[in-house]
Amino acid sequence: MPRAARRPRRLGALVLCAALAPLVGACTSTPNAAGPQERRASPVPASVSYAMPADVASLVLPTTGEGTRWTQGLDAFGRLAAAWAVDGCARRLGETVPDSPPPMFTRYSGLPDLDFLRTHGFGEGTAVPGTPPVTHPTTDPPTAPGPRLQRCLAEGRTVGQELTQVYARLHMSWFAEIAPVDRAPEVRRAYAGLGRCLAAHEVNARDEAAFFALVDRRLQAADTAGTRRLGAVYATCMKPVEAARVPLREKAAATFRASHSAEIAKLRTELPKKIGELEQRYRIRISFPQA
């Protein structure tokens, strides 16, 4: 692994959090990501796989919650490469990189990974392995990044964009394609039973929005047992909804893959090449969360 720059243990200033967020997911979740932000002081690595899918398009075009594990790994890999780019630049310039939450596997709320949630609940097992280590912890008050560190942050953004520019357009087109699924009559009927199911499990939430507000309160209170129980209840109550949505997504995928065949063929060539290049440059590996 590359030698890490000096990194203090804590990040406190909002200005630093805002500067690092686009690089390593420091403050907010990624676009299309899970509703409540996961909050853990010291997140632990999830169980991961390093094996790539048989079809690299699966990294970009998920149809199920379990399938989003490929996409989560791809998203997180870009943030991981960016973190190492910032770290290496700071080391070259003798700068100290402000510490922040590490790159995370961030789940997609629109395609919930019910098996993962049933096992881990919300806010568990999300840290990405291979993050630059903290080698010189300190409790010094954080300060705004100076001009040289700003250069390093810009370098990290550029590295992250190297990867996302390969797949982002196709990825966004796919999520736009499946957005209407929730308006299908069979999905609406399935959603109508969600509140009753939650109530049957003694969860005081009339709908999905109220449920995630409750999850967020449990996360803020660091109620690990509570968020794990809510994950199991959600996995049970959302099963009928996903049973209605998955066939519709799969039907949409067949049409989408046919109408975007040239872009997908290009992706199959360019994406593995870029992943391999970044793995070699920063001596890191792409990984994918497992239940």
Foldseek 3Di string as FASTA:
>chain_A
DDAFAAEALDDDDVLLQVLLCLQAVQDHDDPLFDDFDADDSDADAFDWDQDADPANCLLQQPLAQVSVLSVLLLLLLLSQLLQLQLGVLCRVVVHYRYDGQGHWSTGGNVHHPLVCCLQQFPNHNIHDPPHRDNDHYDPPHDDRDDPSSSVSSVRSSVSSCLQCVLRVVVNVVNCVLLVCLCVDPQLVVLQCCLQVLCVVVVHPANHDVRLVVVLNVCSVVVVRVVRSVSSSSCSVSCVSNSVSRSVVSVVSVVVSCVVCVVSSVSSSPPNVVSQVVSCVVSVHGRIGHDD
